Structures are given as structure tokens and as C-alpha cells.
Amino acid sequence: MSWIIHESGGTRSKANLEWTAVHGVLLEATTLSYLVEGRLLPADIPGKESRIYRKPVGVVGVVSPWNWPFQLTARLQHLHWPLVTLLLWSSQPMTHP
């Protein structure tokens, strides 16, 4: 939390609030690794099936805003993938808040 206070100029209460938000996101993200196996989707053509496979995307560059750096980096809203999920999928996120 001292990093959040020092780098963003926030207060201890803001740092506590941000850590609480990040902690929830990280706990939820750890369950997403089970989705790596893929899933079946209904197909429009009888007798056919559609499959989704998740694969590592390689190096992912992430530049997050300075005002909530830890929370926004952890969520990666624009990618719809939490940062932990990228790590679980063997991708290599490079962050710069």
C-alpha cells in the first residue's frame, strides 16, 4: 500500500479501498484458469459443433491510468481479462501504470 500512496499521491484510505477492490478481482480471476480447456457452443448446423479454445496471446502491453493504477491494471477492462488470467494462460503481460 505504501507504493500506491507514494506513486499516486493517494491517502491511506484510498490505498485501502484500491487494495480491497484488487483483492476481490484477484480472487475471482484465479477461478478463470479452469476456462482454458475451452467449451462447446451450440451450432446453427445440425450435427455440427462449435468449439472455443483459449491460447496464450504472447506479450501483452498494458498502460493503465495513474489514478487507480493497481486496481485498473488488475482488471484490464479494455481486454476483458484480469491480469491474473493472462498469467494463468501463460501470456506475458508488461505493465506500466
N, C-alpha and C. Protein backbone atom coordinates (compact mmCIF):
# COMPACT_ATOMS: atom_id res chain seq x y z
N MET A 1 0.81 -1.19 0.00
CA MET A 1 0.00 0.00 0.00
C MET A 1 0.85 1.26 0.00
N SER A 2 2.03 1.17 0.58
CA SER A 2 2.89 2.35 0.59
C SER A 2 3.27 2.75 -0.84
N TRP A 3 3.37 1.76 -1.73
CA TRP A 3 3.67 2.06 -3.13
C TRP A 3 2.54 2.88 -3.75
N ILE A 4 1.30 2.50 -3.48
CA ILE A 4 0.15 3.23 -4.02
C ILE A 4 0.15 4.66 -3.49
N ILE A 5 0.40 4.81 -2.20
CA ILE A 5 0.42 6.14 -1.59
C ILE A 5 1.55 6.98 -2.17
N HIS A 6 2.73 6.41 -2.28
CA HIS A 6 3.89 7.15 -2.77
C HIS A 6 3.77 7.51 -4.25
N GLU A 7 3.40 6.56 -5.09
CA GLU A 7 3.39 6.78 -6.53
C GLU A 7 2.20 7.60 -7.03
N SER A 8 1.03 7.42 -6.42
CA SER A 8 -0.14 8.14 -6.94
C SER A 8 -0.53 9.33 -6.07
N GLY A 9 0.17 9.50 -4.95
CA GLY A 9 -0.14 10.63 -4.08
C GLY A 9 -1.45 10.48 -3.35
N GLY A 10 -1.93 9.24 -3.25
CA GLY A 10 -3.20 8.99 -2.59
C GLY A 10 -3.07 8.91 -1.08
N THR A 11 -4.19 8.83 -0.43
CA THR A 11 -4.22 8.69 1.02
C THR A 11 -4.25 7.22 1.39
N ARG A 12 -4.04 6.94 2.68
CA ARG A 12 -4.09 5.55 3.15
C ARG A 12 -5.49 4.96 2.93
N SER A 13 -6.54 5.76 3.13
CA SER A 13 -7.90 5.23 2.93
C SER A 13 -8.14 4.88 1.46
N LYS A 14 -7.61 5.70 0.54
CA LYS A 14 -7.75 5.38 -0.89
C LYS A 14 -6.96 4.11 -1.22
N ALA A 15 -5.77 3.98 -0.65
CA ALA A 15 -4.97 2.77 -0.89
C ALA A 15 -5.68 1.54 -0.35
N ASN A 16 -6.29 1.64 0.82
CA ASN A 16 -7.06 0.52 1.37
C ASN A 16 -8.24 0.16 0.47
N LEU A 17 -8.93 1.18 -0.02
CA LEU A 17 -10.07 0.94 -0.92
C LEU A 17 -9.61 0.26 -2.20
N GLU A 18 -8.50 0.73 -2.77
CA GLU A 18 -8.00 0.13 -4.00
C GLU A 18 -7.56 -1.31 -3.77
N TRP A 19 -6.87 -1.57 -2.65
CA TRP A 19 -6.43 -2.93 -2.37
C TRP A 19 -7.63 -3.86 -2.18
N THR A 20 -8.68 -3.39 -1.51
CA THR A 20 -9.88 -4.20 -1.32
C THR A 20 -10.49 -4.57 -2.67
N ALA A 21 -10.56 -3.61 -3.58
CA ALA A 21 -11.10 -3.88 -4.92
C ALA A 21 -10.22 -4.87 -5.68
N VAL A 22 -8.91 -4.69 -5.60
CA VAL A 22 -7.98 -5.58 -6.31
C VAL A 22 -8.04 -6.99 -5.73
N HIS A 23 -8.13 -7.10 -4.44
CA HIS A 23 -8.17 -8.41 -3.79
C HIS A 23 -9.35 -9.23 -4.30
N GLY A 24 -10.53 -8.60 -4.42
CA GLY A 24 -11.70 -9.30 -4.94
C GLY A 24 -11.51 -9.74 -6.39
N VAL A 25 -10.94 -8.87 -7.20
CA VAL A 25 -10.69 -9.20 -8.61
C VAL A 25 -9.71 -10.37 -8.71
N LEU A 26 -8.67 -10.36 -7.90
CA LEU A 26 -7.67 -11.44 -7.95
C LEU A 26 -8.26 -12.77 -7.50
N LEU A 27 -9.08 -12.75 -6.47
CA LEU A 27 -9.72 -13.99 -6.02
C LEU A 27 -10.62 -14.58 -7.11
N GLU A 28 -11.39 -13.72 -7.76
CA GLU A 28 -12.26 -14.20 -8.84
C GLU A 28 -11.44 -14.68 -10.03
N ALA A 29 -10.38 -13.99 -10.35
CA ALA A 29 -9.57 -14.33 -11.52
C ALA A 29 -8.90 -15.69 -11.38
N THR A 30 -8.60 -16.11 -10.17
CA THR A 30 -7.95 -17.41 -10.01
C THR A 30 -8.86 -18.55 -10.43
N THR A 31 -10.16 -18.35 -10.44
CA THR A 31 -11.08 -19.41 -10.88
C THR A 31 -11.18 -19.47 -12.40
N LEU A 32 -10.73 -18.44 -13.10
CA LEU A 32 -10.87 -18.39 -14.55
C LEU A 32 -9.91 -19.33 -15.27
N SER A 33 -8.91 -19.83 -14.58
CA SER A 33 -7.96 -20.74 -15.24
C SER A 33 -8.64 -22.03 -15.69
N TYR A 34 -9.76 -22.37 -15.08
CA TYR A 34 -10.48 -23.58 -15.47
C TYR A 34 -11.15 -23.42 -16.83
N LEU A 35 -11.27 -22.20 -17.33
CA LEU A 35 -11.88 -21.97 -18.63
C LEU A 35 -10.90 -22.17 -19.78
N VAL A 36 -9.64 -22.42 -19.49
CA VAL A 36 -8.63 -22.58 -20.53
C VAL A 36 -8.92 -23.79 -21.41
N GLU A 37 -9.57 -24.79 -20.85
CA GLU A 37 -9.84 -26.02 -21.60
C GLU A 37 -10.74 -25.79 -22.80
N GLY A 38 -11.44 -24.70 -22.84
CA GLY A 38 -12.35 -24.44 -23.94
C GLY A 38 -13.76 -24.90 -23.60
N ARG A 39 -14.67 -24.67 -24.51
CA ARG A 39 -16.05 -25.09 -24.28
C ARG A 39 -16.75 -25.30 -25.62
N LEU A 40 -17.86 -26.00 -25.55
CA LEU A 40 -18.67 -26.24 -26.74
C LEU A 40 -19.80 -25.23 -26.79
N LEU A 41 -20.10 -24.77 -27.98
CA LEU A 41 -21.21 -23.85 -28.19
C LEU A 41 -22.20 -24.50 -29.15
N PRO A 42 -23.47 -24.17 -29.01
CA PRO A 42 -24.43 -24.72 -29.97
C PRO A 42 -24.13 -24.21 -31.38
N ALA A 43 -24.28 -25.08 -32.35
CA ALA A 43 -24.03 -24.71 -33.75
C ALA A 43 -25.35 -24.52 -34.48
N ASP A 44 -25.33 -23.70 -35.51
CA ASP A 44 -26.53 -23.47 -36.31
C ASP A 44 -26.83 -24.63 -37.25
N ILE A 45 -25.83 -25.44 -37.53
CA ILE A 45 -25.98 -26.56 -38.47
C ILE A 45 -26.17 -27.85 -37.67
N PRO A 46 -27.24 -28.59 -37.92
CA PRO A 46 -27.46 -29.84 -37.19
C PRO A 46 -26.30 -30.82 -37.39
N GLY A 47 -25.91 -31.49 -36.32
CA GLY A 47 -24.83 -32.47 -36.40
C GLY A 47 -23.44 -31.87 -36.30
N LYS A 48 -23.34 -30.57 -36.19
CA LYS A 48 -22.04 -29.90 -36.08
C LYS A 48 -21.91 -29.28 -34.70
N GLU A 49 -20.70 -29.00 -34.28
CA GLU A 49 -20.47 -28.33 -33.01
C GLU A 49 -19.44 -27.22 -33.19
N SER A 50 -19.55 -26.23 -32.36
CA SER A 50 -18.59 -25.12 -32.36
C SER A 50 -17.78 -25.21 -31.08
N ARG A 51 -16.49 -25.01 -31.19
CA ARG A 51 -15.60 -25.09 -30.02
C ARG A 51 -14.82 -23.79 -29.87
N ILE A 52 -14.58 -23.45 -28.62
CA ILE A 52 -13.74 -22.30 -28.30
C ILE A 52 -12.52 -22.82 -27.57
N TYR A 53 -11.33 -22.45 -28.04
CA TYR A 53 -10.08 -22.80 -27.37
C TYR A 53 -9.37 -21.52 -26.99
N ARG A 54 -8.91 -21.46 -25.77
CA ARG A 54 -8.15 -20.31 -25.32
C ARG A 54 -6.66 -20.65 -25.43
N LYS A 55 -5.91 -19.72 -26.01
CA LYS A 55 -4.48 -19.92 -26.20
C LYS A 55 -3.73 -18.68 -25.71
N PRO A 56 -2.49 -18.84 -25.30
CA PRO A 56 -1.70 -17.67 -24.90
C PRO A 56 -1.61 -16.67 -26.05
N VAL A 57 -1.64 -15.41 -25.72
CA VAL A 57 -1.57 -14.38 -26.75
C VAL A 57 -0.18 -13.77 -26.85
N GLY A 58 0.77 -14.27 -26.08
CA GLY A 58 2.12 -13.74 -26.14
C GLY A 58 2.29 -12.55 -25.21
N VAL A 59 3.13 -11.63 -25.59
CA VAL A 59 3.39 -10.45 -24.77
C VAL A 59 2.25 -9.46 -24.94
N VAL A 60 1.73 -8.98 -23.82
CA VAL A 60 0.64 -8.01 -23.83
C VAL A 60 1.12 -6.75 -23.13
N GLY A 61 1.11 -5.63 -23.82
CA GLY A 61 1.50 -4.36 -23.21
C GLY A 61 0.29 -3.70 -22.57
N VAL A 62 0.45 -3.27 -21.33
CA VAL A 62 -0.65 -2.66 -20.60
C VAL A 62 -0.18 -1.32 -20.04
N VAL A 63 -0.83 -0.24 -20.45
CA VAL A 63 -0.58 1.07 -19.87
C VAL A 63 -1.86 1.48 -19.18
N SER A 64 -1.81 1.60 -17.86
CA SER A 64 -3.02 1.91 -17.11
C SER A 64 -2.97 3.34 -16.58
N PRO A 65 -4.14 3.91 -16.27
CA PRO A 65 -4.19 5.27 -15.74
C PRO A 65 -3.49 5.38 -14.39
N TRP A 66 -3.07 6.56 -14.07
CA TRP A 66 -2.33 6.77 -12.83
C TRP A 66 -3.23 6.87 -11.61
N ASN A 67 -4.52 7.17 -11.79
CA ASN A 67 -5.36 7.47 -10.64
C ASN A 67 -5.75 6.24 -9.82
N TRP A 68 -5.93 5.09 -10.43
CA TRP A 68 -6.19 3.82 -9.72
C TRP A 68 -5.30 2.76 -10.35
N PRO A 69 -3.99 2.90 -10.30
CA PRO A 69 -3.11 2.06 -11.10
C PRO A 69 -3.20 0.57 -10.78
N PHE A 70 -3.24 0.21 -9.53
CA PHE A 70 -3.24 -1.19 -9.15
C PHE A 70 -4.56 -1.85 -9.53
N GLN A 71 -5.65 -1.20 -9.23
CA GLN A 71 -6.97 -1.77 -9.50
C GLN A 71 -7.25 -1.85 -11.00
N LEU A 72 -6.95 -0.80 -11.74
CA LEU A 72 -7.24 -0.81 -13.17
C LEU A 72 -6.31 -1.75 -13.93
N THR A 73 -5.07 -1.88 -13.47
CA THR A 73 -4.16 -2.84 -14.10
C THR A 73 -4.62 -4.27 -13.83
N ALA A 74 -5.07 -4.54 -12.63
CA ALA A 74 -5.54 -5.89 -12.29
C ALA A 74 -6.77 -6.27 -13.10
N ARG A 75 -7.64 -5.31 -13.38
CA ARG A 75 -8.88 -5.63 -14.09
C ARG A 75 -8.72 -5.69 -15.60
N LEU A 76 -7.90 -4.84 -16.16
CA LEU A 76 -7.72 -4.79 -17.62
C LEU A 76 -9.06 -4.78 -18.35
N GLN A 77 -9.89 -3.81 -18.01
CA GLN A 77 -11.24 -3.77 -18.56
C GLN A 77 -11.27 -3.75 -20.08
N HIS A 78 -10.32 -3.08 -20.70
CA HIS A 78 -10.35 -2.98 -22.16
C HIS A 78 -10.04 -4.31 -22.83
N LEU A 79 -9.42 -5.24 -22.11
CA LEU A 79 -9.14 -6.56 -22.68
C LEU A 79 -10.15 -7.60 -22.25
N HIS A 80 -10.98 -7.26 -21.25
CA HIS A 80 -11.95 -8.19 -20.68
C HIS A 80 -11.28 -9.39 -20.04
N TRP A 81 -10.01 -9.27 -19.67
CA TRP A 81 -9.28 -10.34 -18.99
C TRP A 81 -8.56 -9.73 -17.80
N PRO A 82 -8.77 -10.26 -16.61
CA PRO A 82 -7.95 -9.81 -15.49
C PRO A 82 -6.49 -10.17 -15.71
N LEU A 83 -5.60 -9.40 -15.14
CA LEU A 83 -4.16 -9.62 -15.29
C LEU A 83 -3.75 -11.02 -14.87
N VAL A 84 -4.34 -11.51 -13.79
CA VAL A 84 -4.01 -12.86 -13.31
C VAL A 84 -4.34 -13.90 -14.37
N THR A 85 -5.43 -13.70 -15.09
CA THR A 85 -5.83 -14.66 -16.12
C THR A 85 -4.78 -14.71 -17.23
N LEU A 86 -4.23 -13.56 -17.61
CA LEU A 86 -3.16 -13.57 -18.62
C LEU A 86 -1.97 -14.39 -18.14
N LEU A 87 -1.65 -14.27 -16.87
CA LEU A 87 -0.53 -15.05 -16.32
C LEU A 87 -0.87 -16.54 -16.30
N LEU A 88 -2.10 -16.87 -15.93
CA LEU A 88 -2.50 -18.28 -15.88
C LEU A 88 -2.52 -18.90 -17.27
N TRP A 89 -2.77 -18.09 -18.30
CA TRP A 89 -2.80 -18.60 -19.67
C TRP A 89 -1.42 -18.56 -20.32
N SER A 90 -0.39 -18.37 -19.53
CA SER A 90 1.00 -18.35 -20.00
C SER A 90 1.30 -17.20 -20.93
N SER A 91 0.56 -16.12 -20.83
CA SER A 91 0.89 -14.91 -21.57
C SER A 91 1.88 -14.11 -20.74
N GLN A 92 2.43 -13.06 -21.32
CA GLN A 92 3.44 -12.27 -20.63
C GLN A 92 3.03 -10.81 -20.59
N PRO A 93 2.24 -10.42 -19.59
CA PRO A 93 1.84 -9.01 -19.53
C PRO A 93 2.98 -8.12 -19.06
N MET A 94 3.16 -6.99 -19.73
CA MET A 94 4.15 -5.99 -19.34
C MET A 94 3.34 -4.75 -18.98
N THR A 95 3.41 -4.32 -17.73
CA THR A 95 2.56 -3.23 -17.28
C THR A 95 3.36 -1.96 -17.02
N HIS A 96 2.69 -0.83 -17.20
CA HIS A 96 3.24 0.48 -16.87
C HIS A 96 2.10 1.36 -16.41
N PRO A 97 1.88 1.43 -15.08
CA PRO A 97 0.81 2.32 -14.61
C PRO A 97 1.26 3.76 -14.60
